Structures are given as C-alpha cells and as structure tokens.
C-alpha cells in the first residue's frame, strides 16, 4: 500500500462532519478567518506539537501530511468552542505531565515507540472516553478519539478503511451500503 497524504481539504471535510463548517465554502472561509481571540490562540504551538506527536502514533504509518492536517482540524475544531478547548488543553497538559514525570521529557520529545508505551502505561487504549473522567478517560475523549474521528471522516482517511465517501458526504450512502472492500 502506498502513502496516504492528508491535506487541509481532508481536515475541512472532517470539520464539516462534526458541524464545525457548513461545507466547502464555509470551510474555505475558515482558513482565512482570524482566531477566536487574537490575544490567546485557540491552541498554542506546544499543544499542536503534542497533538501531531499523538497523531503520529495513532495514525497508520503510511499516512503523510499529519502536521498540516492536525493543525487545520484541531485549531479550527476548538476555535469557537471555549469549553472544549479548555478540556483539550487540560488533557494535553496531563499527557505532558505524565511524560515528564515518567520519562523526563514532554510527550512530543519521546520516540514514537515511547509515546505508544506511555499511552499503554496510562491505559488510554482501554479507557472509556469521558470528558469529566480520569486522566486516561479525558485523554481518550479530547485527544485520541477526536484525532481518530478526524482521520476516518476525512476522504483520505476513509479510504484506509473503505469508506472514502462516509454517510453525509456525496456518494456516502452507496459506500455505507457496500461496506469495505477486501
């Protein structure tokens, strides 16, 4: 299987799925709009770096374009949702705190294998997503599930599982009824 490149268009398609954009026209306008609060950006550079590092562990190894995809999706996803942004920022801080406590470096500075090991040590892979739950449950809700949802609702990510036109996208009903191809 060749590389699968994620693009800004993929991020905007994923945003449209969660209702953060009302189609391609609105998605294009989102790219040009200033952040919700110029004094405090929706997510800081360190937050985005941590999200990218997490996505590099979560996404299949043949996926490329992760930094731009995550930047576009995550920043725009929280841009007008202050409560969600706080939850995401807190989950990112918790992830970095764990990494610093147990590995003496922030999460993004760990090797991909070290990041994966830390997530398993925290039991994130078995945690139920809960925005008010334990550290692992909040990380699962705000970070892991959000990044996976973004990937698999994007056109390029959907191709990985055979749903390149998921329900809600043009041609999605046919793809849904057909199911993944072997």
N, C-alpha and C. Protein backbone atom coordinates (compact mmCIF):
# COMPACT_ATOMS: atom_id res chain seq x y z
N UNK A 1 0.85 -1.18 0.00
CA UNK A 1 0.00 0.00 0.00
C UNK A 1 0.89 1.23 0.00
N UNK A 2 0.57 2.20 -0.87
CA UNK A 2 1.34 3.42 -0.94
C UNK A 2 0.98 4.38 0.17
N UNK A 3 1.67 5.53 0.15
CA UNK A 3 1.41 6.55 1.16
C UNK A 3 0.04 7.16 0.96
N UNK A 4 -0.58 7.56 2.03
CA UNK A 4 -1.86 8.28 2.01
C UNK A 4 -1.61 9.66 2.56
N UNK A 5 -1.76 10.67 1.72
CA UNK A 5 -1.49 12.04 2.15
C UNK A 5 -2.76 12.71 2.64
N UNK A 6 -2.69 13.25 3.85
CA UNK A 6 -3.76 14.06 4.39
C UNK A 6 -3.52 15.50 4.00
N UNK A 7 -4.58 16.21 3.69
CA UNK A 7 -4.47 17.60 3.25
C UNK A 7 -5.39 18.50 4.08
N UNK A 8 -5.27 19.79 3.86
CA UNK A 8 -6.19 20.73 4.51
C UNK A 8 -7.62 20.44 4.09
N UNK A 9 -7.82 20.05 2.85
CA UNK A 9 -9.16 19.71 2.37
C UNK A 9 -9.73 18.54 3.17
N UNK A 10 -8.88 17.56 3.50
CA UNK A 10 -9.33 16.45 4.34
C UNK A 10 -9.74 16.95 5.72
N UNK A 11 -8.95 17.86 6.28
CA UNK A 11 -9.28 18.41 7.60
C UNK A 11 -10.60 19.17 7.55
N UNK A 12 -10.82 19.93 6.50
CA UNK A 12 -12.07 20.68 6.37
C UNK A 12 -13.26 19.74 6.18
N UNK A 13 -13.06 18.65 5.46
CA UNK A 13 -14.13 17.67 5.30
C UNK A 13 -14.48 17.04 6.65
N UNK A 14 -13.48 16.73 7.45
CA UNK A 14 -13.72 16.18 8.78
C UNK A 14 -14.43 17.21 9.66
N UNK A 15 -14.04 18.47 9.55
CA UNK A 15 -14.71 19.52 10.31
C UNK A 15 -16.17 19.65 9.91
N UNK A 16 -16.44 19.54 8.63
CA UNK A 16 -17.83 19.62 8.16
C UNK A 16 -18.65 18.49 8.76
N UNK A 17 -18.04 17.33 8.95
CA UNK A 17 -18.74 16.20 9.53
C UNK A 17 -19.16 16.46 10.96
N UNK A 18 -18.34 17.18 11.73
CA UNK A 18 -18.69 17.48 13.12
C UNK A 18 -19.46 18.78 13.24
N UNK A 19 -19.79 19.39 12.10
CA UNK A 19 -20.59 20.61 12.14
C UNK A 19 -19.79 21.87 12.38
N UNK A 20 -18.48 21.79 12.32
CA UNK A 20 -17.65 22.98 12.53
C UNK A 20 -17.55 23.82 11.27
N UNK A 21 -17.95 23.25 10.15
CA UNK A 21 -18.00 24.00 8.90
C UNK A 21 -19.23 23.51 8.13
N UNK A 22 -19.86 24.39 7.40
CA UNK A 22 -21.09 24.04 6.71
C UNK A 22 -20.84 23.79 5.23
N UNK A 23 -19.78 23.12 4.90
CA UNK A 23 -19.49 22.80 3.52
C UNK A 23 -18.18 23.42 3.06
N UNK A 24 -17.88 23.21 1.82
CA UNK A 24 -16.61 23.67 1.28
C UNK A 24 -16.49 25.19 1.33
N UNK A 25 -17.55 25.91 0.99
CA UNK A 25 -17.49 27.37 1.02
C UNK A 25 -17.18 27.88 2.41
N UNK A 26 -17.89 27.36 3.41
CA UNK A 26 -17.63 27.78 4.79
C UNK A 26 -16.26 27.32 5.23
N UNK A 27 -15.85 26.13 4.78
CA UNK A 27 -14.53 25.62 5.15
C UNK A 27 -13.42 26.50 4.61
N UNK A 28 -13.58 26.99 3.41
CA UNK A 28 -12.59 27.88 2.84
C UNK A 28 -12.53 29.17 3.63
N UNK A 29 -13.68 29.68 4.03
CA UNK A 29 -13.71 30.90 4.83
C UNK A 29 -13.01 30.69 6.17
N UNK A 30 -13.11 29.49 6.71
CA UNK A 30 -12.45 29.20 7.98
C UNK A 30 -10.94 29.35 7.89
N UNK A 31 -10.38 29.00 6.75
CA UNK A 31 -8.93 29.09 6.61
C UNK A 31 -8.44 30.53 6.69
N UNK A 32 -9.27 31.46 6.26
CA UNK A 32 -8.87 32.85 6.21
C UNK A 32 -9.26 33.65 7.44
N UNK A 33 -10.05 33.07 8.32
CA UNK A 33 -10.56 33.81 9.47
C UNK A 33 -9.52 33.86 10.58
N UNK A 34 -9.49 34.95 11.29
CA UNK A 34 -8.58 35.10 12.42
C UNK A 34 -9.04 34.21 13.57
N UNK A 35 -8.14 33.84 14.48
CA UNK A 35 -8.53 33.04 15.64
C UNK A 35 -9.60 33.75 16.47
N UNK A 36 -10.31 32.97 17.28
CA UNK A 36 -11.44 33.49 18.07
C UNK A 36 -11.02 34.58 19.03
N UNK A 37 -9.77 34.59 19.44
CA UNK A 37 -9.28 35.61 20.37
C UNK A 37 -7.81 35.83 20.02
N UNK A 38 -7.53 36.95 19.41
CA UNK A 38 -6.16 37.21 18.93
C UNK A 38 -5.13 37.22 20.06
N UNK A 39 -5.56 37.53 21.29
CA UNK A 39 -4.63 37.55 22.41
C UNK A 39 -4.28 36.16 22.90
N UNK A 40 -5.20 35.24 22.76
CA UNK A 40 -4.99 33.87 23.20
C UNK A 40 -5.42 32.93 22.08
N UNK A 41 -4.47 32.35 21.33
CA UNK A 41 -4.84 31.50 20.20
C UNK A 41 -5.61 30.27 20.69
N UNK A 42 -6.44 29.69 19.82
CA UNK A 42 -7.22 28.52 20.21
C UNK A 42 -6.36 27.41 20.82
N UNK A 43 -5.24 27.14 20.21
CA UNK A 43 -4.27 26.17 20.73
C UNK A 43 -2.88 26.74 20.49
N UNK A 44 -2.01 26.62 21.48
CA UNK A 44 -0.65 27.11 21.32
C UNK A 44 0.19 26.16 20.48
N UNK A 45 1.36 26.61 20.08
CA UNK A 45 2.26 25.79 19.27
C UNK A 45 2.63 24.48 19.98
N UNK A 46 2.86 24.54 21.28
CA UNK A 46 3.21 23.33 22.02
C UNK A 46 2.05 22.34 22.04
N UNK A 47 0.82 22.85 22.14
CA UNK A 47 -0.36 21.97 22.10
C UNK A 47 -0.46 21.27 20.75
N UNK A 48 -0.29 22.03 19.68
CA UNK A 48 -0.37 21.45 18.34
C UNK A 48 0.76 20.44 18.14
N UNK A 49 1.95 20.76 18.64
CA UNK A 49 3.08 19.82 18.52
C UNK A 49 2.76 18.50 19.23
N UNK A 50 2.14 18.59 20.39
CA UNK A 50 1.77 17.37 21.13
C UNK A 50 0.69 16.60 20.38
N UNK A 51 -0.30 17.30 19.82
CA UNK A 51 -1.35 16.63 19.04
C UNK A 51 -0.76 15.93 17.82
N UNK A 52 0.17 16.58 17.15
CA UNK A 52 0.82 15.97 15.98
C UNK A 52 1.58 14.72 16.42
N UNK A 53 2.32 14.82 17.52
CA UNK A 53 3.07 13.66 18.03
C UNK A 53 2.13 12.51 18.38
N UNK A 54 0.98 12.83 18.93
CA UNK A 54 -0.01 11.79 19.25
C UNK A 54 -0.58 11.18 17.98
N UNK A 55 -0.92 12.02 17.01
CA UNK A 55 -1.46 11.52 15.75
C UNK A 55 -0.45 10.61 15.04
N UNK A 56 0.83 10.93 15.14
CA UNK A 56 1.86 10.10 14.51
C UNK A 56 1.88 8.70 15.10
N UNK A 57 1.43 8.55 16.32
CA UNK A 57 1.35 7.23 16.94
C UNK A 57 0.03 6.55 16.58
N UNK A 58 -1.04 7.32 16.53
CA UNK A 58 -2.37 6.77 16.30
C UNK A 58 -2.65 6.42 14.84
N UNK A 59 -2.14 7.22 13.92
CA UNK A 59 -2.45 7.05 12.51
C UNK A 59 -1.57 5.98 11.89
N UNK A 60 -2.08 5.29 10.87
CA UNK A 60 -1.27 4.28 10.18
C UNK A 60 0.04 4.88 9.67
N UNK A 61 1.07 4.07 9.62
CA UNK A 61 2.40 4.56 9.27
C UNK A 61 2.51 5.08 7.85
N UNK A 62 1.61 4.70 6.95
CA UNK A 62 1.71 5.18 5.57
C UNK A 62 0.97 6.50 5.34
N UNK A 63 0.46 7.09 6.40
CA UNK A 63 -0.23 8.38 6.28
C UNK A 63 0.80 9.51 6.37
N UNK A 64 0.72 10.44 5.43
CA UNK A 64 1.60 11.60 5.42
C UNK A 64 0.75 12.87 5.53
N UNK A 65 1.40 14.00 5.74
CA UNK A 65 0.69 15.27 5.83
C UNK A 65 0.04 15.49 7.19
N UNK A 66 0.48 14.74 8.19
CA UNK A 66 -0.15 14.79 9.52
C UNK A 66 -0.06 16.18 10.15
N UNK A 67 1.09 16.86 10.15
CA UNK A 67 1.15 18.16 10.82
C UNK A 67 0.12 19.17 10.31
N UNK A 68 0.04 19.35 9.02
CA UNK A 68 -0.90 20.32 8.45
C UNK A 68 -2.35 19.91 8.72
N UNK A 69 -2.63 18.61 8.59
CA UNK A 69 -3.98 18.09 8.83
C UNK A 69 -4.40 18.35 10.28
N UNK A 70 -3.55 17.98 11.22
CA UNK A 70 -3.87 18.14 12.64
C UNK A 70 -4.00 19.62 13.00
N UNK A 71 -3.08 20.43 12.51
CA UNK A 71 -3.13 21.88 12.76
C UNK A 71 -4.47 22.45 12.29
N UNK A 72 -4.83 22.18 11.06
CA UNK A 72 -6.06 22.72 10.50
C UNK A 72 -7.28 22.21 11.25
N UNK A 73 -7.35 20.90 11.45
CA UNK A 73 -8.53 20.32 12.10
C UNK A 73 -8.64 20.76 13.56
N UNK A 74 -7.60 20.58 14.33
CA UNK A 74 -7.69 20.81 15.77
C UNK A 74 -7.89 22.27 16.13
N UNK A 75 -7.16 23.16 15.49
CA UNK A 75 -7.31 24.58 15.81
C UNK A 75 -8.70 25.04 15.42
N UNK A 76 -9.16 24.68 14.24
CA UNK A 76 -10.50 25.11 13.81
C UNK A 76 -11.60 24.43 14.63
N UNK A 77 -11.35 23.23 15.09
CA UNK A 77 -12.34 22.48 15.88
C UNK A 77 -12.64 23.19 17.20
N UNK A 78 -11.63 23.79 17.80
CA UNK A 78 -11.82 24.41 19.12
C UNK A 78 -11.96 25.93 19.04
N UNK A 79 -11.82 26.46 17.86
CA UNK A 79 -11.79 27.91 17.67
C UNK A 79 -12.97 28.64 18.31
N UNK A 80 -14.14 28.12 18.20
CA UNK A 80 -15.33 28.78 18.76
C UNK A 80 -15.95 27.98 19.90
N UNK A 81 -15.24 27.01 20.41
CA UNK A 81 -15.75 26.15 21.48
C UNK A 81 -14.81 26.24 22.68
N UNK A 82 -14.94 27.30 23.45
CA UNK A 82 -14.01 27.57 24.53
C UNK A 82 -13.97 26.44 25.57
N UNK A 83 -15.11 25.89 25.93
CA UNK A 83 -15.14 24.82 26.93
C UNK A 83 -14.41 23.59 26.41
N UNK A 84 -14.64 23.25 25.15
CA UNK A 84 -13.95 22.10 24.57
C UNK A 84 -12.44 22.37 24.47
N UNK A 85 -12.10 23.61 24.10
CA UNK A 85 -10.68 23.98 24.01
C UNK A 85 -10.00 23.81 25.36
N UNK A 86 -10.66 24.25 26.42
CA UNK A 86 -10.07 24.08 27.76
C UNK A 86 -9.89 22.61 28.11
N UNK A 87 -10.90 21.81 27.78
CA UNK A 87 -10.79 20.37 28.04
C UNK A 87 -9.64 19.75 27.27
N UNK A 88 -9.49 20.15 26.01
CA UNK A 88 -8.40 19.63 25.20
C UNK A 88 -7.06 20.10 25.75
N UNK A 89 -6.95 21.36 26.09
CA UNK A 89 -5.70 21.90 26.64
C UNK A 89 -5.33 21.22 27.95
N UNK A 90 -6.32 20.98 28.80
CA UNK A 90 -6.06 20.28 30.06
C UNK A 90 -5.60 18.85 29.82
N UNK A 91 -6.23 18.17 28.85
CA UNK A 91 -5.83 16.80 28.53
C UNK A 91 -4.40 16.77 27.96
N UNK A 92 -4.07 17.76 27.14
CA UNK A 92 -2.71 17.85 26.61
C UNK A 92 -1.69 18.09 27.73
N UNK A 93 -2.04 18.96 28.67
CA UNK A 93 -1.14 19.23 29.81
C UNK A 93 -0.97 17.98 30.65
N UNK A 94 -2.04 17.23 30.84
CA UNK A 94 -1.97 15.98 31.61
C UNK A 94 -1.05 14.98 30.92
N UNK A 95 -1.18 14.87 29.61
CA UNK A 95 -0.33 13.95 28.85
C UNK A 95 1.13 14.35 28.98
N UNK A 96 1.42 15.62 28.86
CA UNK A 96 2.79 16.10 29.03
C UNK A 96 3.30 15.90 30.46
N UNK A 97 2.43 16.11 31.44
CA UNK A 97 2.81 15.88 32.85
C UNK A 97 3.21 14.43 33.07
N UNK A 98 2.42 13.50 32.54
CA UNK A 98 2.75 12.09 32.67
C UNK A 98 4.10 11.79 32.02
N UNK A 99 4.29 12.30 30.81
CA UNK A 99 5.54 12.04 30.10
C UNK A 99 6.72 12.61 30.88
N UNK A 100 6.57 13.81 31.38
CA UNK A 100 7.66 14.45 32.13
C UNK A 100 7.94 13.70 33.43
N UNK A 101 6.89 13.27 34.11
CA UNK A 101 7.06 12.54 35.37
C UNK A 101 7.72 11.18 35.16
N UNK A 102 7.28 10.45 34.14
CA UNK A 102 7.74 9.07 33.96
C UNK A 102 8.91 8.92 33.00
N UNK A 103 9.07 9.86 32.08
CA UNK A 103 10.11 9.73 31.06
C UNK A 103 11.09 10.91 31.04
N UNK A 104 10.88 11.90 31.88
CA UNK A 104 11.75 13.08 31.98
C UNK A 104 11.78 13.97 30.74
N UNK A 105 10.82 13.81 29.83
CA UNK A 105 10.68 14.69 28.67
C UNK A 105 9.20 14.84 28.35
N UNK A 106 8.87 15.90 27.63
CA UNK A 106 7.49 16.07 27.21
C UNK A 106 7.12 15.01 26.19
N UNK A 107 5.82 14.79 26.03
CA UNK A 107 5.30 13.73 25.16
C UNK A 107 5.88 13.80 23.75
N UNK A 108 5.88 14.98 23.16
CA UNK A 108 6.35 15.14 21.78
C UNK A 108 7.83 14.80 21.61
N UNK A 109 8.61 14.88 22.67
CA UNK A 109 10.05 14.59 22.60
C UNK A 109 10.34 13.09 22.66
N UNK A 110 9.36 12.30 23.03
CA UNK A 110 9.54 10.85 23.07
C UNK A 110 9.59 10.27 21.66
N UNK A 111 10.22 9.13 21.51
CA UNK A 111 10.18 8.42 20.24
C UNK A 111 8.75 7.93 20.02
N UNK A 112 8.37 7.62 18.79
CA UNK A 112 7.02 7.08 18.57
C UNK A 112 6.74 5.85 19.44
N UNK A 113 7.72 4.98 19.59
CA UNK A 113 7.54 3.82 20.45
C UNK A 113 7.36 4.20 21.92
N UNK A 114 8.11 5.20 22.36
CA UNK A 114 8.00 5.69 23.73
C UNK A 114 6.64 6.33 23.98
N UNK A 115 6.11 7.05 22.97
CA UNK A 115 4.77 7.64 23.09
C UNK A 115 3.72 6.56 23.21
N UNK A 116 3.83 5.55 22.36
CA UNK A 116 2.88 4.44 22.39
C UNK A 116 2.94 3.71 23.73
N UNK A 117 4.15 3.47 24.23
CA UNK A 117 4.31 2.80 25.53
C UNK A 117 3.67 3.62 26.65
N UNK A 118 3.86 4.94 26.61
CA UNK A 118 3.29 5.79 27.65
C UNK A 118 1.76 5.72 27.61
N UNK A 119 1.18 5.76 26.43
CA UNK A 119 -0.28 5.66 26.31
C UNK A 119 -0.78 4.33 26.87
N UNK A 120 -0.05 3.26 26.59
CA UNK A 120 -0.44 1.95 27.14
C UNK A 120 -0.25 1.92 28.66
N UNK A 121 0.84 2.48 29.14
CA UNK A 121 1.07 2.52 30.60
C UNK A 121 -0.03 3.30 31.31
N UNK A 122 -0.56 4.32 30.65
CA UNK A 122 -1.64 5.11 31.23
C UNK A 122 -3.00 4.43 31.05
N UNK A 123 -3.05 3.36 30.27
CA UNK A 123 -4.28 2.62 29.96
C UNK A 123 -5.26 3.44 29.13
N UNK A 124 -4.73 4.33 28.31
CA UNK A 124 -5.57 5.14 27.44
C UNK A 124 -6.29 4.26 26.42
N UNK A 125 -5.63 3.21 25.96
CA UNK A 125 -6.20 2.34 24.93
C UNK A 125 -7.43 1.57 25.42
N UNK A 126 -7.59 1.40 26.71
CA UNK A 126 -8.76 0.69 27.25
C UNK A 126 -9.73 1.61 27.98
N UNK A 127 -9.41 2.88 28.07
CA UNK A 127 -10.25 3.83 28.80
C UNK A 127 -11.50 4.18 27.99
N UNK A 128 -12.59 4.35 28.70
CA UNK A 128 -13.81 4.86 28.06
C UNK A 128 -13.68 6.38 27.96
N UNK A 129 -14.05 6.94 26.83
CA UNK A 129 -13.95 8.40 26.69
C UNK A 129 -14.95 9.10 27.62
N UNK A 130 -14.44 9.99 28.45
CA UNK A 130 -15.29 10.71 29.39
C UNK A 130 -14.66 12.07 29.67
N UNK A 131 -15.33 13.17 29.27
CA UNK A 131 -14.74 14.49 29.47
C UNK A 131 -14.59 14.89 30.93
N UNK A 132 -15.27 14.21 31.82
CA UNK A 132 -15.20 14.50 33.26
C UNK A 132 -14.52 13.38 34.04
N UNK A 133 -13.96 12.41 33.34
CA UNK A 133 -13.43 11.21 33.98
C UNK A 133 -11.99 11.31 34.44
N UNK A 134 -11.37 10.15 34.53
CA UNK A 134 -9.98 10.05 34.95
C UNK A 134 -9.08 10.68 33.89
N UNK A 135 -7.81 10.79 34.20
CA UNK A 135 -6.86 11.34 33.23
C UNK A 135 -6.92 10.56 31.92
N UNK A 136 -6.87 9.25 31.99
CA UNK A 136 -6.89 8.42 30.77
C UNK A 136 -8.21 8.61 30.01
N UNK A 137 -9.32 8.71 30.71
CA UNK A 137 -10.62 8.89 30.06
C UNK A 137 -10.72 10.25 29.38
N UNK A 138 -10.17 11.28 29.99
CA UNK A 138 -10.18 12.61 29.38
C UNK A 138 -9.25 12.67 28.18
N UNK A 139 -8.09 12.04 28.27
CA UNK A 139 -7.17 11.98 27.13
C UNK A 139 -7.82 11.22 25.98
N UNK A 140 -8.50 10.14 26.32
CA UNK A 140 -9.19 9.35 25.30
C UNK A 140 -10.28 10.20 24.62
N UNK A 141 -11.05 10.93 25.41
CA UNK A 141 -12.15 11.73 24.87
C UNK A 141 -11.65 12.92 24.03
N UNK A 142 -10.84 13.76 24.62
CA UNK A 142 -10.45 15.01 23.98
C UNK A 142 -9.35 14.87 22.94
N UNK A 143 -8.53 13.85 23.06
CA UNK A 143 -7.37 13.74 22.17
C UNK A 143 -7.46 12.55 21.23
N UNK A 144 -7.44 11.35 21.78
CA UNK A 144 -7.36 10.14 20.96
C UNK A 144 -8.59 9.99 20.06
N UNK A 145 -9.78 9.98 20.65
CA UNK A 145 -10.98 9.78 19.84
C UNK A 145 -11.20 10.92 18.85
N UNK A 146 -10.87 12.13 19.26
CA UNK A 146 -11.04 13.28 18.37
C UNK A 146 -10.12 13.17 17.15
N UNK A 147 -8.86 12.81 17.37
CA UNK A 147 -7.92 12.66 16.26
C UNK A 147 -8.31 11.49 15.35
N UNK A 148 -8.75 10.39 15.93
CA UNK A 148 -9.17 9.25 15.11
C UNK A 148 -10.43 9.57 14.32
N UNK A 149 -11.37 10.26 14.94
CA UNK A 149 -12.58 10.66 14.24
C UNK A 149 -12.22 11.56 13.05
N UNK A 150 -11.33 12.51 13.27
CA UNK A 150 -10.90 13.41 12.20
C UNK A 150 -10.30 12.61 11.04
N UNK A 151 -9.45 11.67 11.35
CA UNK A 151 -8.81 10.87 10.30
C UNK A 151 -9.84 10.10 9.49
N UNK A 152 -10.68 9.33 10.17
CA UNK A 152 -11.55 8.41 9.46
C UNK A 152 -12.79 9.05 8.86
N UNK A 153 -13.07 10.31 9.18
CA UNK A 153 -14.15 11.01 8.50
C UNK A 153 -13.63 11.88 7.36
N UNK A 154 -12.32 11.92 7.19
CA UNK A 154 -11.75 12.65 6.07
C UNK A 154 -11.73 11.73 4.85
N UNK A 155 -11.78 12.30 3.65
CA UNK A 155 -11.75 11.45 2.45
C UNK A 155 -10.52 10.54 2.38
N UNK A 156 -9.34 11.07 2.64
CA UNK A 156 -8.12 10.24 2.56
C UNK A 156 -8.12 9.17 3.65
N UNK A 157 -8.50 9.53 4.86
CA UNK A 157 -8.55 8.56 5.95
C UNK A 157 -9.62 7.51 5.74
N UNK A 158 -10.75 7.92 5.17
CA UNK A 158 -11.82 6.98 4.89
C UNK A 158 -11.40 5.90 3.90
N UNK A 159 -10.52 6.26 2.97
CA UNK A 159 -10.03 5.27 2.00
C UNK A 159 -9.28 4.14 2.70
N UNK A 160 -8.66 4.44 3.83
CA UNK A 160 -7.91 3.42 4.56
C UNK A 160 -8.80 2.29 5.06
N UNK A 161 -10.07 2.62 5.33
CA UNK A 161 -10.99 1.59 5.85
C UNK A 161 -12.13 1.30 4.87
N UNK A 162 -12.02 1.82 3.64
CA UNK A 162 -13.00 1.52 2.62
C UNK A 162 -14.28 2.34 2.70
N UNK A 163 -14.23 3.46 3.39
CA UNK A 163 -15.41 4.34 3.45
C UNK A 163 -15.01 5.74 3.00
N UNK A 164 -14.41 5.82 1.80
CA UNK A 164 -13.93 7.11 1.33
C UNK A 164 -15.04 8.12 1.13
N UNK A 165 -16.26 7.69 1.06
CA UNK A 165 -17.41 8.58 1.00
C UNK A 165 -18.35 8.21 2.14
N UNK A 166 -17.99 8.58 3.36
CA UNK A 166 -18.82 8.20 4.51
C UNK A 166 -20.19 8.85 4.44
N UNK A 167 -21.19 8.30 5.16
CA UNK A 167 -22.51 8.91 5.17
C UNK A 167 -22.39 10.40 5.50
N UNK A 168 -23.12 11.20 4.76
CA UNK A 168 -23.06 12.65 4.95
C UNK A 168 -22.22 13.34 3.89
N UNK A 169 -21.40 12.57 3.17
CA UNK A 169 -20.62 13.10 2.07
C UNK A 169 -21.25 12.62 0.77
N UNK A 170 -21.09 13.36 -0.33
CA UNK A 170 -21.65 12.90 -1.60
C UNK A 170 -21.17 11.49 -1.93
N UNK A 171 -22.08 10.62 -2.23
CA UNK A 171 -21.74 9.23 -2.53
C UNK A 171 -21.62 8.37 -1.29
N UNK A 172 -21.86 8.93 -0.13
CA UNK A 172 -21.67 8.21 1.13
C UNK A 172 -22.63 7.07 1.33
N UNK A 173 -23.89 7.22 0.89
CA UNK A 173 -24.87 6.16 1.10
C UNK A 173 -24.44 4.89 0.39
N UNK A 174 -23.96 5.03 -0.85
CA UNK A 174 -23.51 3.86 -1.60
C UNK A 174 -22.34 3.19 -0.89
N UNK A 175 -21.39 3.99 -0.42
CA UNK A 175 -20.23 3.45 0.29
C UNK A 175 -20.66 2.74 1.57
N UNK A 176 -21.61 3.32 2.27
CA UNK A 176 -22.09 2.74 3.53
C UNK A 176 -22.79 1.41 3.28
N UNK A 177 -23.62 1.36 2.25
CA UNK A 177 -24.34 0.13 1.95
C UNK A 177 -23.42 -0.95 1.42
N UNK A 178 -22.39 -0.56 0.69
CA UNK A 178 -21.45 -1.51 0.09
C UNK A 178 -20.52 -2.08 1.14
N UNK A 179 -20.08 -1.26 2.07
CA UNK A 179 -19.13 -1.71 3.09
C UNK A 179 -17.72 -1.72 2.54
N UNK A 180 -16.75 -2.02 3.40
CA UNK A 180 -15.35 -2.04 2.94
C UNK A 180 -15.09 -3.16 1.96
N UNK A 181 -14.22 -2.86 0.99
CA UNK A 181 -13.85 -3.88 0.01
C UNK A 181 -12.59 -4.59 0.49
N UNK A 182 -12.52 -5.86 0.22
CA UNK A 182 -11.33 -6.63 0.63
C UNK A 182 -10.21 -6.46 -0.34
